[in-house]
Amino acid sequence: MLSRLIRWNKRYRGKPDRSSLRLQVASMLSTFAAIRGWTVLLNNQTATVMRQGLETFVTADLNGIERPETILAVVHLKDVECYEGIKGIQFDNGLRGSALGELALNHLADQVTEALLGQLAKSG
């Protein structure tokens, strides 16, 4: 499913589709947390990055990004409004696996997507 979204983004280089971008961001956040852990995802340095061609990814180290000149937008997770609430939910093992944990992750993806699109709009 993620590969289909990436192919879609490469084909249509115009204005990004908000819902597919949100789905892509939610998938990346979930995958990043599954691989690296919630502690790394909710670290103060973790950010979502958007490159030219609407390629997005999550990184824990902005300094180690290859080809920084292709970056269009960067959103630190700590800067989104719901960060503290999500941090509390995800560090509680009982809540993380519940519907509330999934809802919180989707809310985080919504806010990150809006912030990415807002930065794109400002840069033109």
PDB file of N, CA and C in Angstrom:
ATOM      1  N   MET A   1       0.823  -1.188   0.000  1.00  0.00           N
ATOM      2  CA  MET A   1       0.000   0.000   0.000  1.00  0.00           C
ATOM      3  C   MET A   1       0.873   1.260   0.000  1.00  0.00           C
ATOM      4  N   LEU A   2       1.942   1.241   0.799  1.00  0.00           N
ATOM      5  CA  LEU A   2       2.822   2.409   0.853  1.00  0.00           C
ATOM      6  C   LEU A   2       3.501   2.623  -0.496  1.00  0.00           C
ATOM      7  N   SER A   3       3.889   1.527  -1.157  1.00  0.00           N
ATOM      8  CA  SER A   3       4.538   1.681  -2.458  1.00  0.00           C
ATOM      9  C   SER A   3       3.585   2.289  -3.482  1.00  0.00           C
ATOM     10  N   ARG A   4       2.298   1.978  -3.372  1.00  0.00           N
ATOM     11  CA  ARG A   4       1.306   2.565  -4.273  1.00  0.00           C
ATOM     12  C   ARG A   4       1.215   4.073  -4.050  1.00  0.00           C
ATOM     13  N   LEU A   5       1.271   4.502  -2.793  1.00  0.00           N
ATOM     14  CA  LEU A   5       1.233   5.932  -2.493  1.00  0.00           C
ATOM     15  C   LEU A   5       2.480   6.633  -3.020  1.00  0.00           C
ATOM     16  N   ILE A   6       3.623   5.988  -2.878  1.00  0.00           N
ATOM     17  CA  ILE A   6       4.860   6.597  -3.357  1.00  0.00           C
ATOM     18  C   ILE A   6       4.827   6.715  -4.871  1.00  0.00           C
ATOM     19  N   ARG A   7       4.373   5.656  -5.561  1.00  0.00           N
ATOM     20  CA  ARG A   7       4.254   5.728  -7.019  1.00  0.00           C
ATOM     21  C   ARG A   7       3.292   6.837  -7.417  1.00  0.00           C
ATOM     22  N   TRP A   8       2.171   6.966  -6.684  1.00  0.00           N
ATOM     23  CA  TRP A   8       1.200   8.018  -6.982  1.00  0.00           C
ATOM     24  C   TRP A   8       1.864   9.379  -6.852  1.00  0.00           C
ATOM     25  N   ASN A   9       2.629   9.574  -5.788  1.00  0.00           N
ATOM     26  CA  ASN A   9       3.298  10.858  -5.571  1.00  0.00           C
ATOM     27  C   ASN A   9       4.329  11.154  -6.648  1.00  0.00           C
ATOM     28  N   LYS A  10       4.995  10.139  -7.169  1.00  0.00           N
ATOM     29  CA  LYS A  10       5.993  10.367  -8.213  1.00  0.00           C
ATOM     30  C   LYS A  10       5.321  10.691  -9.541  1.00  0.00           C
ATOM     31  N   ARG A  11       4.155  10.105  -9.781  1.00  0.00           N
ATOM     32  CA  ARG A  11       3.442  10.364 -11.022  1.00  0.00           C
ATOM     33  C   ARG A  11       2.829  11.748 -11.049  1.00  0.00           C
ATOM     34  N   TYR A  12       2.221  12.153  -9.962  1.00  0.00           N
ATOM     35  CA  TYR A  12       1.524  13.434  -9.887  1.00  0.00           C
ATOM     36  C   TYR A  12       2.336  14.396  -9.044  1.00  0.00           C
ATOM     37  N   ARG A  13       3.139  15.185  -9.691  1.00  0.00           N
ATOM     38  CA  ARG A  13       4.040  16.097  -8.980  1.00  0.00           C
ATOM     39  C   ARG A  13       3.383  17.432  -8.659  1.00  0.00           C
ATOM     40  N   GLY A  14       2.106  17.560  -8.920  1.00  0.00           N
ATOM     41  CA  GLY A  14       1.404  18.798  -8.645  1.00  0.00           C
ATOM     42  C   GLY A  14       1.095  18.938  -7.173  1.00  0.00           C
ATOM     43  N   LYS A  15      -0.021  19.530  -6.893  1.00  0.00           N
ATOM     44  CA  LYS A  15      -0.449  19.739  -5.519  1.00  0.00           C
ATOM     45  C   LYS A  15      -0.688  18.394  -4.828  1.00  0.00           C
ATOM     46  N   PRO A  16      -0.140  18.200  -3.629  1.00  0.00           N
ATOM     47  CA  PRO A  16      -0.296  16.914  -2.956  1.00  0.00           C
ATOM     48  C   PRO A  16      -1.731  16.684  -2.493  1.00  0.00           C
ATOM     49  N   ASP A  17      -2.139  15.443  -2.543  1.00  0.00           N
ATOM     50  CA  ASP A  17      -3.444  15.047  -2.049  1.00  0.00           C
ATOM     51  C   ASP A  17      -3.336  14.883  -0.536  1.00  0.00           C
ATOM     52  N   ARG A  18      -4.085  15.660   0.210  1.00  0.00           N
ATOM     53  CA  ARG A  18      -4.002  15.702   1.666  1.00  0.00           C
ATOM     54  C   ARG A  18      -4.243  14.330   2.301  1.00  0.00           C
ATOM     55  N   SER A  19      -5.256  13.616   1.827  1.00  0.00           N
ATOM     56  CA  SER A  19      -5.593  12.329   2.461  1.00  0.00           C
ATOM     57  C   SER A  19      -4.531  11.264   2.195  1.00  0.00           C
ATOM     58  N   SER A  20      -3.986  11.200   0.991  1.00  0.00           N
ATOM     59  CA  SER A  20      -2.943  10.203   0.726  1.00  0.00           C
ATOM     60  C   SER A  20      -1.653  10.563   1.449  1.00  0.00           C
ATOM     61  N   LEU A  21      -1.352  11.846   1.561  1.00  0.00           N
ATOM     62  CA  LEU A  21      -0.172  12.266   2.305  1.00  0.00           C
ATOM     63  C   LEU A  21      -0.335  11.937   3.787  1.00  0.00           C
ATOM     64  N   ARG A  22      -1.519  12.161   4.343  1.00  0.00           N
ATOM     65  CA  ARG A  22      -1.766  11.825   5.751  1.00  0.00           C
ATOM     66  C   ARG A  22      -1.630  10.328   5.985  1.00  0.00           C
ATOM     67  N   LEU A  23      -2.135   9.528   5.073  1.00  0.00           N
ATOM     68  CA  LEU A  23      -2.014   8.081   5.172  1.00  0.00           C
ATOM     69  C   LEU A  23      -0.549   7.661   5.104  1.00  0.00           C
ATOM     70  N   GLN A  24       0.209   8.298   4.239  1.00  0.00           N
ATOM     71  CA  GLN A  24       1.636   8.006   4.112  1.00  0.00           C
ATOM     72  C   GLN A  24       2.368   8.375   5.404  1.00  0.00           C
ATOM     73  N   VAL A  25       2.078   9.529   5.960  1.00  0.00           N
ATOM     74  CA  VAL A  25       2.724   9.966   7.203  1.00  0.00           C
ATOM     75  C   VAL A  25       2.352   9.028   8.354  1.00  0.00           C
ATOM     76  N   ALA A  26       1.094   8.647   8.465  1.00  0.00           N
ATOM     77  CA  ALA A  26       0.658   7.737   9.530  1.00  0.00           C
ATOM     78  C   ALA A  26       1.364   6.394   9.414  1.00  0.00           C
ATOM     79  N   SER A  27       1.484   5.902   8.206  1.00  0.00           N
ATOM     80  CA  SER A  27       2.163   4.633   7.977  1.00  0.00           C
ATOM     81  C   SER A  27       3.641   4.721   8.351  1.00  0.00           C
ATOM     82  N   MET A  28       4.283   5.824   7.983  1.00  0.00           N
ATOM     83  CA  MET A  28       5.699   6.002   8.304  1.00  0.00           C
ATOM     84  C   MET A  28       5.923   6.115   9.814  1.00  0.00           C
ATOM     85  N   LEU A  29       5.069   6.864  10.494  1.00  0.00           N
ATOM     86  CA  LEU A  29       5.206   7.000  11.948  1.00  0.00           C
ATOM     87  C   LEU A  29       5.040   5.650  12.634  1.00  0.00           C
ATOM     88  N   SER A  30       4.048   4.891  12.209  1.00  0.00           N
ATOM     89  CA  SER A  30       3.790   3.577  12.790  1.00  0.00           C
ATOM     90  C   SER A  30       4.952   2.620  12.522  1.00  0.00           C
ATOM     91  N   THR A  31       5.455   2.623  11.312  1.00  0.00           N
ATOM     92  CA  THR A  31       6.575   1.752  10.956  1.00  0.00           C
ATOM     93  C   THR A  31       7.837   2.148  11.712  1.00  0.00           C
ATOM     94  N   PHE A  32       8.095   3.448  11.801  1.00  0.00           N
ATOM     95  CA  PHE A  32       9.264   3.940  12.526  1.00  0.00           C
ATOM     96  C   PHE A  32       9.188   3.498  13.986  1.00  0.00           C
ATOM     97  N   ALA A  33       8.015   3.629  14.597  1.00  0.00           N
ATOM     98  CA  ALA A  33       7.846   3.224  16.001  1.00  0.00           C
ATOM     99  C   ALA A  33       8.030   1.721  16.163  1.00  0.00           C
ATOM    100  N   ALA A  34       7.549   0.939  15.208  1.00  0.00           N
ATOM    101  CA  ALA A  34       7.687  -0.515  15.291  1.00  0.00           C
ATOM    102  C   ALA A  34       9.147  -0.949  15.165  1.00  0.00           C
ATOM    103  N   ILE A  35       9.909  -0.249  14.341  1.00  0.00           N
ATOM    104  CA  ILE A  35      11.304  -0.630  14.108  1.00  0.00           C
ATOM    105  C   ILE A  35      12.240  -0.046  15.160  1.00  0.00           C
ATOM    106  N   ARG A  36      12.139   1.250  15.395  1.00  0.00           N
ATOM    107  CA  ARG A  36      13.073   1.942  16.287  1.00  0.00           C
ATOM    108  C   ARG A  36      12.563   2.087  17.713  1.00  0.00           C
ATOM    109  N   GLY A  37      11.259   1.958  17.910  1.00  0.00           N
ATOM    110  CA  GLY A  37      10.675   2.064  19.245  1.00  0.00           C
ATOM    111  C   GLY A  37      10.046   3.423  19.494  1.00  0.00           C
ATOM    112  N   TRP A  38       9.106   3.439  20.433  1.00  0.00           N
ATOM    113  CA  TRP A  38       8.383   4.673  20.757  1.00  0.00           C
ATOM    114  C   TRP A  38       9.286   5.701  21.406  1.00  0.00           C
ATOM    115  N   THR A  39      10.288   5.243  22.136  1.00  0.00           N
ATOM    116  CA  THR A  39      11.204   6.180  22.790  1.00  0.00           C
ATOM    117  C   THR A  39      11.935   7.023  21.752  1.00  0.00           C
ATOM    118  N   VAL A  40      12.388   6.400  20.668  1.00  0.00           N
ATOM    119  CA  VAL A  40      13.103   7.131  19.616  1.00  0.00           C
ATOM    120  C   VAL A  40      12.119   8.006  18.832  1.00  0.00           C
ATOM    121  N   LEU A  41      10.930   7.468  18.522  1.00  0.00           N
ATOM    122  CA  LEU A  41       9.949   8.258  17.777  1.00  0.00           C
ATOM    123  C   LEU A  41       9.573   9.527  18.529  1.00  0.00           C
ATOM    124  N   LEU A  42       9.381   9.421  19.821  1.00  0.00           N
ATOM    125  CA  LEU A  42       8.939  10.575  20.600  1.00  0.00           C
ATOM    126  C   LEU A  42      10.097  11.346  21.237  1.00  0.00           C
ATOM    127  N   ASN A  43      11.294  11.127  20.732  1.00  0.00           N
ATOM    128  CA  ASN A  43      12.473  11.881  21.140  1.00  0.00           C
ATOM    129  C   ASN A  43      12.325  13.321  20.628  1.00  0.00           C
ATOM    130  N   ASN A  44      12.941  14.274  21.289  1.00  0.00           N
ATOM    131  CA  ASN A  44      12.850  15.684  20.892  1.00  0.00           C
ATOM    132  C   ASN A  44      13.475  15.977  19.529  1.00  0.00           C
ATOM    133  N   GLN A  45      14.372  15.128  19.051  1.00  0.00           N
ATOM    134  CA  GLN A  45      15.059  15.376  17.787  1.00  0.00           C
ATOM    135  C   GLN A  45      14.377  14.744  16.575  1.00  0.00           C
ATOM    136  N   THR A  46      13.403  13.874  16.786  1.00  0.00           N
ATOM    137  CA  THR A  46      12.752  13.173  15.680  1.00  0.00           C
ATOM    138  C   THR A  46      11.900  14.130  14.858  1.00  0.00           C
ATOM    139  N   ALA A  47      12.000  13.989  13.526  1.00  0.00           N
ATOM    140  CA  ALA A  47      11.284  14.892  12.630  1.00  0.00           C
ATOM    141  C   ALA A  47      10.778  14.133  11.407  1.00  0.00           C
ATOM    142  N   THR A  48       9.738  14.679  10.807  1.00  0.00           N
ATOM    143  CA  THR A  48       9.247  14.193   9.521  1.00  0.00           C
ATOM    144  C   THR A  48       9.753  15.167   8.468  1.00  0.00           C
ATOM    145  N   VAL A  49      10.316  14.624   7.398  1.00  0.00           N
ATOM    146  CA  VAL A  49      10.950  15.422   6.358  1.00  0.00           C
ATOM    147  C   VAL A  49      10.249  15.156   5.032  1.00  0.00           C
ATOM    148  N   MET A  50      10.052  16.223   4.244  1.00  0.00           N
ATOM    149  CA  MET A  50       9.497  16.080   2.903  1.00  0.00           C
ATOM    150  C   MET A  50      10.517  16.616   1.910  1.00  0.00           C
ATOM    151  N   ARG A  51      10.803  15.786   0.925  1.00  0.00           N
ATOM    152  CA  ARG A  51      11.737  16.169  -0.141  1.00  0.00           C
ATOM    153  C   ARG A  51      10.957  16.568  -1.387  1.00  0.00           C
ATOM    154  N   GLN A  52      11.691  17.049  -2.367  1.00  0.00           N
ATOM    155  CA  GLN A  52      11.097  17.331  -3.671  1.00  0.00           C
ATOM    156  C   GLN A  52      10.497  16.032  -4.195  1.00  0.00           C
ATOM    157  N   GLY A  53       9.406  16.131  -4.906  1.00  0.00           N
ATOM    158  CA  GLY A  53       8.709  14.941  -5.380  1.00  0.00           C
ATOM    159  C   GLY A  53       7.790  14.358  -4.329  1.00  0.00           C
ATOM    160  N   LEU A  54       7.592  15.087  -3.220  1.00  0.00           N
ATOM    161  CA  LEU A  54       6.699  14.706  -2.126  1.00  0.00           C
ATOM    162  C   LEU A  54       7.111  13.410  -1.444  1.00  0.00           C
ATOM    163  N   GLU A  55       8.394  13.071  -1.493  1.00  0.00           N
ATOM    164  CA  GLU A  55       8.905  11.919  -0.766  1.00  0.00           C
ATOM    165  C   GLU A  55       9.012  12.326   0.704  1.00  0.00           C
ATOM    166  N   THR A  56       8.395  11.564   1.585  1.00  0.00           N
ATOM    167  CA  THR A  56       8.443  11.880   3.011  1.00  0.00           C
ATOM    168  C   THR A  56       9.062  10.725   3.776  1.00  0.00           C
ATOM    169  N   PHE A  57       9.715  11.066   4.887  1.00  0.00           N
ATOM    170  CA  PHE A  57      10.296  10.047   5.755  1.00  0.00           C
ATOM    171  C   PHE A  57      10.468  10.620   7.152  1.00  0.00           C
ATOM    172  N   VAL A  58      10.656   9.721   8.118  1.00  0.00           N
ATOM    173  CA  VAL A  58      10.867  10.102   9.511  1.00  0.00           C
ATOM    174  C   VAL A  58      12.325   9.836   9.832  1.00  0.00           C
ATOM    175  N   THR A  59      12.956  10.765  10.532  1.00  0.00           N
ATOM    176  CA  THR A  59      14.359  10.607  10.901  1.00  0.00           C
ATOM    177  C   THR A  59      14.587  11.058  12.343  1.00  0.00           C
ATOM    178  N   ALA A  60      15.545  10.409  12.978  1.00  0.00           N
ATOM    179  CA  ALA A  60      15.931  10.798  14.330  1.00  0.00           C
ATOM    180  C   ALA A  60      17.181  11.674  14.304  1.00  0.00           C
ATOM    181  N   ASP A  61      17.768  11.873  13.104  1.00  0.00           N
ATOM    182  CA  ASP A  61      19.001  12.636  12.971  1.00  0.00           C
ATOM    183  C   ASP A  61      18.948  13.508  11.717  1.00  0.00           C
ATOM    184  N   LEU A  62      18.571  14.760  11.882  1.00  0.00           N
ATOM    185  CA  LEU A  62      18.507  15.673  10.735  1.00  0.00           C
ATOM    186  C   LEU A  62      19.878  15.964  10.139  1.00  0.00           C
ATOM    187  N   ASN A  63      20.908  15.902  10.948  1.00  0.00           N
ATOM    188  CA  ASN A  63      22.259  16.203  10.456  1.00  0.00           C
ATOM    189  C   ASN A  63      22.784  15.126   9.512  1.00  0.00           C
ATOM    190  N   GLY A  64      22.252  13.926   9.597  1.00  0.00           N
ATOM    191  CA  GLY A  64      22.736  12.830   8.771  1.00  0.00           C
ATOM    192  C   GLY A  64      21.972  12.646   7.467  1.00  0.00           C
ATOM    193  N   ILE A  65      21.119  13.585   7.099  1.00  0.00           N
ATOM    194  CA  ILE A  65      20.312  13.451   5.893  1.00  0.00           C
ATOM    195  C   ILE A  65      21.168  13.705   4.654  1.00  0.00           C
ATOM    196  N   GLU A  66      21.057  12.789   3.707  1.00  0.00           N
ATOM    197  CA  GLU A  66      21.749  12.967   2.433  1.00  0.00           C
ATOM    198  C   GLU A  66      20.978  13.951   1.573  1.00  0.00           C
ATOM    199  N   ARG A  67      21.672  14.706   0.762  1.00  0.00           N
ATOM    200  CA  ARG A  67      21.117  15.695  -0.165  1.00  0.00           C
ATOM    201  C   ARG A  67      20.151  16.666   0.547  1.00  0.00           C
ATOM    202  N   PRO A  68      20.632  17.418   1.514  1.00  0.00           N
ATOM    203  CA  PRO A  68      19.753  18.346   2.236  1.00  0.00           C
ATOM    204  C   PRO A  68      19.169  19.451   1.351  1.00  0.00           C
ATOM    205  N   GLU A  69      19.760  19.688   0.196  1.00  0.00           N
ATOM    206  CA  GLU A  69      19.247  20.726  -0.700  1.00  0.00           C
ATOM    207  C   GLU A  69      17.907  20.355  -1.318  1.00  0.00           C
ATOM    208  N   THR A  70      17.515  19.090  -1.229  1.00  0.00           N
ATOM    209  CA  THR A  70      16.240  18.653  -1.808  1.00  0.00           C
ATOM    210  C   THR A  70      15.089  18.700  -0.804  1.00  0.00           C
ATOM    211  N   ILE A  71      15.352  19.135   0.411  1.00  0.00           N
ATOM    212  CA  ILE A  71      14.330  19.158   1.460  1.00  0.00           C
ATOM    213  C   ILE A  71      13.401  20.361   1.259  1.00  0.00           C
ATOM    214  N   LEU A  72      12.106  20.093   1.271  1.00  0.00           N
ATOM    215  CA  LEU A  72      11.099  21.148   1.133  1.00  0.00           C
ATOM    216  C   LEU A  72      10.496  21.554   2.476  1.00  0.00           C
ATOM    217  N   ALA A  73      10.322  20.585   3.386  1.00  0.00           N
ATOM    218  CA  ALA A  73       9.675  20.883   4.669  1.00  0.00           C
ATOM    219  C   ALA A  73      10.196  19.920   5.743  1.00  0.00           C
ATOM    220  N   VAL A  74      10.293  20.434   6.965  1.00  0.00           N
ATOM    221  CA  VAL A  74      10.713  19.636   8.120  1.00  0.00           C
ATOM    222  C   VAL A  74       9.790  19.971   9.281  1.00  0.00           C
ATOM    223  N   VAL A  75       9.230  18.937   9.906  1.00  0.00           N
ATOM    224  CA  VAL A  75       8.367  19.132  11.074  1.00  0.00           C
ATOM    225  C   VAL A  75       8.895  18.271  12.210  1.00  0.00           C
ATOM    226  N   HIS A  76       9.367  18.913  13.267  1.00  0.00           N
ATOM    227  CA  HIS A  76       9.762  18.175  14.472  1.00  0.00           C
ATOM    228  C   HIS A  76       8.481  17.735  15.179  1.00  0.00           C
ATOM    229  N   LEU A  77       8.447  16.494  15.588  1.00  0.00           N
ATOM    230  CA  LEU A  77       7.244  15.984  16.247  1.00  0.00           C
ATOM    231  C   LEU A  77       6.960  16.728  17.553  1.00  0.00           C
ATOM    232  N   LYS A  78       8.018  17.179  18.231  1.00  0.00           N
ATOM    233  CA  LYS A  78       7.833  17.903  19.494  1.00  0.00           C
ATOM    234  C   LYS A  78       7.116  19.246  19.298  1.00  0.00           C
ATOM    235  N   ASP A  79       7.085  19.743  18.056  1.00  0.00           N
ATOM    236  CA  ASP A  79       6.479  21.041  17.784  1.00  0.00           C
ATOM    237  C   ASP A  79       4.988  20.982  17.455  1.00  0.00           C
ATOM    238  N   VAL A  80       4.441  19.781  17.290  1.00  0.00           N
ATOM    239  CA  VAL A  80       3.012  19.699  17.000  1.00  0.00           C
ATOM    240  C   VAL A  80       2.227  19.781  18.298  1.00  0.00           C
ATOM    241  N   GLU A  81       1.025  20.285  18.201  1.00  0.00           N
ATOM    242  CA  GLU A  81       0.200  20.585  19.375  1.00  0.00           C
ATOM    243  C   GLU A  81      -0.071  19.369  20.264  1.00  0.00           C
ATOM    244  N   CYS A  82      -0.276  18.207  19.678  1.00  0.00           N
ATOM    245  CA  CYS A  82      -0.700  17.040  20.453  1.00  0.00           C
ATOM    246  C   CYS A  82       0.471  16.207  20.980  1.00  0.00           C
ATOM    247  N   TYR A  83       1.692  16.649  20.823  1.00  0.00           N
ATOM    248  CA  TYR A  83       2.882  15.862  21.169  1.00  0.00           C
ATOM    249  C   TYR A  83       2.862  15.363  22.615  1.00  0.00           C
ATOM    250  N   GLU A  84       2.645  16.222  23.570  1.00  0.00           N
ATOM    251  CA  GLU A  84       2.700  15.820  24.988  1.00  0.00           C
ATOM    252  C   GLU A  84       1.628  14.784  25.330  1.00  0.00           C
ATOM    253  N   GLY A  85       0.422  14.966  24.801  1.00  0.00           N
ATOM    254  CA  GLY A  85      -0.648  13.993  25.044  1.00  0.00           C
ATOM    255  C   GLY A  85      -0.319  12.636  24.456  1.00  0.00           C
ATOM    256  N   ILE A  86       0.220  12.628  23.260  1.00  0.00           N
ATOM    257  CA  ILE A  86       0.572  11.371  22.605  1.00  0.00           C
ATOM    258  C   ILE A  86       1.727  10.699  23.332  1.00  0.00           C
ATOM    259  N   LYS A  87       2.647  11.493  23.801  1.00  0.00           N
ATOM    260  CA  LYS A  87       3.768  10.950  24.552  1.00  0.00           C
ATOM    261  C   LYS A  87       3.263  10.213  25.791  1.00  0.00           C
ATOM    262  N   GLY A  88       2.312  10.800  26.497  1.00  0.00           N
ATOM    263  CA  GLY A  88       1.734  10.152  27.671  1.00  0.00           C
ATOM    264  C   GLY A  88       0.998   8.866  27.331  1.00  0.00           C
ATOM    265  N   ILE A  89       0.256   8.885  26.247  1.00  0.00           N
ATOM    266  CA  ILE A  89      -0.501   7.690  25.832  1.00  0.00           C
ATOM    267  C   ILE A  89       0.439   6.573  25.393  1.00  0.00           C
ATOM    268  N   GLN A  90       1.443   6.890  24.591  1.00  0.00           N
ATOM    269  CA  GLN A  90       2.301   5.853  24.025  1.00  0.00           C
ATOM    270  C   GLN A  90       3.262   5.240  25.042  1.00  0.00           C
ATOM    271  N   PHE A  91       3.560   5.938  26.132  1.00  0.00           N
ATOM    272  CA  PHE A  91       4.422   5.354  27.146  1.00  0.00           C
ATOM    273  C   PHE A  91       3.643   4.551  28.179  1.00  0.00           C
ATOM    274  N   ASP A  92       2.320   4.533  28.082  1.00  0.00           N
ATOM    275  CA  ASP A  92       1.480   3.691  28.930  1.00  0.00           C
ATOM    276  C   ASP A  92       1.146   2.431  28.125  1.00  0.00           C
ATOM    277  N   ASN A  93       1.719   1.289  28.522  1.00  0.00           N
ATOM    278  CA  ASN A  93       1.559   0.054  27.748  1.00  0.00           C
ATOM    279  C   ASN A  93       0.097  -0.328  27.548  1.00  0.00           C
ATOM    280  N   GLY A  94      -0.743  -0.069  28.516  1.00  0.00           N
ATOM    281  CA  GLY A  94      -2.160  -0.403  28.392  1.00  0.00           C
ATOM    282  C   GLY A  94      -2.878   0.439  27.350  1.00  0.00           C
ATOM    283  N   LEU A  95      -2.528   1.701  27.279  1.00  0.00           N
ATOM    284  CA  LEU A  95      -3.188   2.593  26.321  1.00  0.00           C
ATOM    285  C   LEU A  95      -2.605   2.488  24.921  1.00  0.00           C
ATOM    286  N   ARG A  96      -1.305   2.208  24.809  1.00  0.00           N
ATOM    287  CA  ARG A  96      -0.648   2.171  23.498  1.00  0.00           C
ATOM    288  C   ARG A  96      -1.301   1.161  22.570  1.00  0.00           C
ATOM    289  N   GLY A  97      -1.626  -0.017  23.069  1.00  0.00           N
ATOM    290  CA  GLY A  97      -2.212  -1.061  22.243  1.00  0.00           C
ATOM    291  C   GLY A  97      -3.711  -0.927  22.054  1.00  0.00           C
ATOM    292  N   SER A  98      -4.316   0.058  22.688  1.00  0.00           N
ATOM    293  CA  SER A  98      -5.770   0.219  22.605  1.00  0.00           C
ATOM    294  C   SER A  98      -6.164   1.074  21.402  1.00  0.00           C
ATOM    295  N   ALA A  99      -7.457   1.207  21.232  1.00  0.00           N
ATOM    296  CA  ALA A  99      -7.978   2.063  20.157  1.00  0.00           C
ATOM    297  C   ALA A  99      -7.550   3.510  20.372  1.00  0.00           C
ATOM    298  N   LEU A 100      -7.409   3.926  21.622  1.00  0.00           N
ATOM    299  CA  LEU A 100      -6.968   5.289  21.920  1.00  0.00           C
ATOM    300  C   LEU A 100      -5.545   5.526  21.404  1.00  0.00           C
ATOM    301  N   GLY A 101      -4.674   4.525  21.522  1.00  0.00           N
ATOM    302  CA  GLY A 101      -3.309   4.657  21.015  1.00  0.00           C
ATOM    303  C   GLY A 101      -3.288   4.820  19.508  1.00  0.00           C
ATOM    304  N   GLU A 102      -4.110   4.052  18.800  1.00  0.00           N
ATOM    305  CA  GLU A 102      -4.187   4.179  17.343  1.00  0.00           C
ATOM    306  C   GLU A 102      -4.795   5.518  16.937  1.00  0.00           C
ATOM    307  N   LEU A 103      -5.817   5.943  17.654  1.00  0.00           N
ATOM    308  CA  LEU A 103      -6.438   7.238  17.380  1.00  0.00           C
ATOM    309  C   LEU A 103      -5.440   8.380  17.606  1.00  0.00           C
ATOM    310  N   ALA A 104      -4.645   8.271  18.656  1.00  0.00           N
ATOM    311  CA  ALA A 104      -3.639   9.298  18.952  1.00  0.00           C
ATOM    312  C   ALA A 104      -2.579   9.360  17.850  1.00  0.00           C
ATOM    313  N   LEU A 105      -2.152   8.196  17.353  1.00  0.00           N
ATOM    314  CA  LEU A 105      -1.168   8.176  16.277  1.00  0.00           C
ATOM    315  C   LEU A 105      -1.742   8.803  15.007  1.00  0.00           C
ATOM    316  N   ASN A 106      -3.003   8.539  14.706  1.00  0.00           N
ATOM    317  CA  ASN A 106      -3.647   9.147  13.539  1.00  0.00           C
ATOM    318  C   ASN A 106      -3.781  10.655  13.712  1.00  0.00           C
ATOM    319  N   HIS A 107      -4.055  11.101  14.934  1.00  0.00           N
ATOM    320  CA  HIS A 107      -4.149  12.536  15.203  1.00  0.00           C
ATOM    321  C   HIS A 107      -2.776  13.199  15.002  1.00  0.00           C
ATOM    322  N   LEU A 108      -1.723  12.531  15.458  1.00  0.00           N
ATOM    323  CA  LEU A 108      -0.372  13.041  15.242  1.00  0.00           C
ATOM    324  C   LEU A 108      -0.079  13.139  13.744  1.00  0.00           C
ATOM    325  N   ALA A 109      -0.456  12.121  12.989  1.00  0.00           N
ATOM    326  CA  ALA A 109      -0.238  12.139  11.536  1.00  0.00           C
ATOM    327  C   ALA A 109      -0.998  13.286  10.890  1.00  0.00           C
ATOM    328  N   ASP A 110      -2.218  13.551  11.348  1.00  0.00           N
ATOM    329  CA  ASP A 110      -2.996  14.678  10.822  1.00  0.00           C
ATOM    330  C   ASP A 110      -2.257  16.000  11.049  1.00  0.00           C
ATOM    331  N   GLN A 111      -1.785  16.197  12.260  1.00  0.00           N
ATOM    332  CA  GLN A 111      -1.124  17.462  12.580  1.00  0.00           C
ATOM    333  C   GLN A 111       0.212  17.614  11.860  1.00  0.00           C
ATOM    334  N   VAL A 112       0.952  16.526  11.714  1.00  0.00           N
ATOM    335  CA  VAL A 112       2.223  16.587  10.983  1.00  0.00           C
ATOM    336  C   VAL A 112       1.957  16.892   9.514  1.00  0.00           C
ATOM    337  N   THR A 113       0.932  16.256   8.937  1.00  0.00           N
ATOM    338  CA  THR A 113       0.580  16.500   7.537  1.00  0.00           C
ATOM    339  C   THR A 113       0.202  17.952   7.316  1.00  0.00           C
ATOM    340  N   GLU A 114      -0.614  18.500   8.193  1.00  0.00           N
ATOM    341  CA  GLU A 114      -1.007  19.907   8.069  1.00  0.00           C
ATOM    342  C   GLU A 114       0.204  20.833   8.167  1.00  0.00           C
ATOM    343  N   ALA A 115       1.133  20.510   9.060  1.00  0.00           N
ATOM    344  CA  ALA A 115       2.336  21.329   9.209  1.00  0.00           C
ATOM    345  C   ALA A 115       3.215  21.242   7.961  1.00  0.00           C
ATOM    346  N   LEU A 116       3.360  20.035   7.392  1.00  0.00           N
ATOM    347  CA  LEU A 116       4.133  19.886   6.155  1.00  0.00           C
ATOM    348  C   LEU A 116       3.509  20.678   5.021  1.00  0.00           C
ATOM    349  N   LEU A 117       2.200  20.547   4.862  1.00  0.00           N
ATOM    350  CA  LEU A 117       1.501  21.281   3.792  1.00  0.00           C
ATOM    351  C   LEU A 117       1.567  22.789   4.025  1.00  0.00           C
ATOM    352  N   GLY A 118       1.496  23.212   5.290  1.00  0.00           N
ATOM    353  CA  GLY A 118       1.615  24.628   5.606  1.00  0.00           C
ATOM    354  C   GLY A 118       2.984  25.181   5.205  1.00  0.00           C
ATOM    355  N   GLN A 119       4.046  24.407   5.452  1.00  0.00           N
ATOM    356  CA  GLN A 119       5.385  24.840   5.055  1.00  0.00           C
ATOM    357  C   GLN A 119       5.520  24.880   3.533  1.00  0.00           C
ATOM    358  N   LEU A 120       4.900  23.915   2.846  1.00  0.00           N
ATOM    359  CA  LEU A 120       4.928  23.926   1.380  1.00  0.00           C
ATOM    360  C   LEU A 120       4.227  25.161   0.826  1.00  0.00           C
ATOM    361  N   ALA A 121       3.089  25.500   1.429  1.00  0.00           N
ATOM    362  CA  ALA A 121       2.331  26.660   0.967  1.00  0.00           C
ATOM    363  C   ALA A 121       3.127  27.948   1.181  1.00  0.00           C
ATOM    364  N   LYS A 122       3.825  28.048   2.294  1.00  0.00           N
ATOM    365  CA  LYS A 122       4.618  29.246   2.580  1.00  0.00           C
ATOM    366  C   LYS A 122       5.789  29.385   1.606  1.00  0.00           C
ATOM    367  N   SER A 123       6.390  28.244   1.250  1.00  0.00           N
ATOM    368  CA  SER A 123       7.558  28.309   0.363  1.00  0.00           C
ATOM    369  C   SER A 123       7.163  28.478  -1.107  1.00  0.00           C
ATOM    370  N   GLY A 124       5.896  28.244  -1.399  1.00  0.00           N
ATOM    371  CA  GLY A 124       5.414  28.455  -2.766  1.00  0.00           C
ATOM    372  C   GLY A 124       5.604  27.231  -3.566  1.00  0.00           C
TER     373      GLY A 124
END
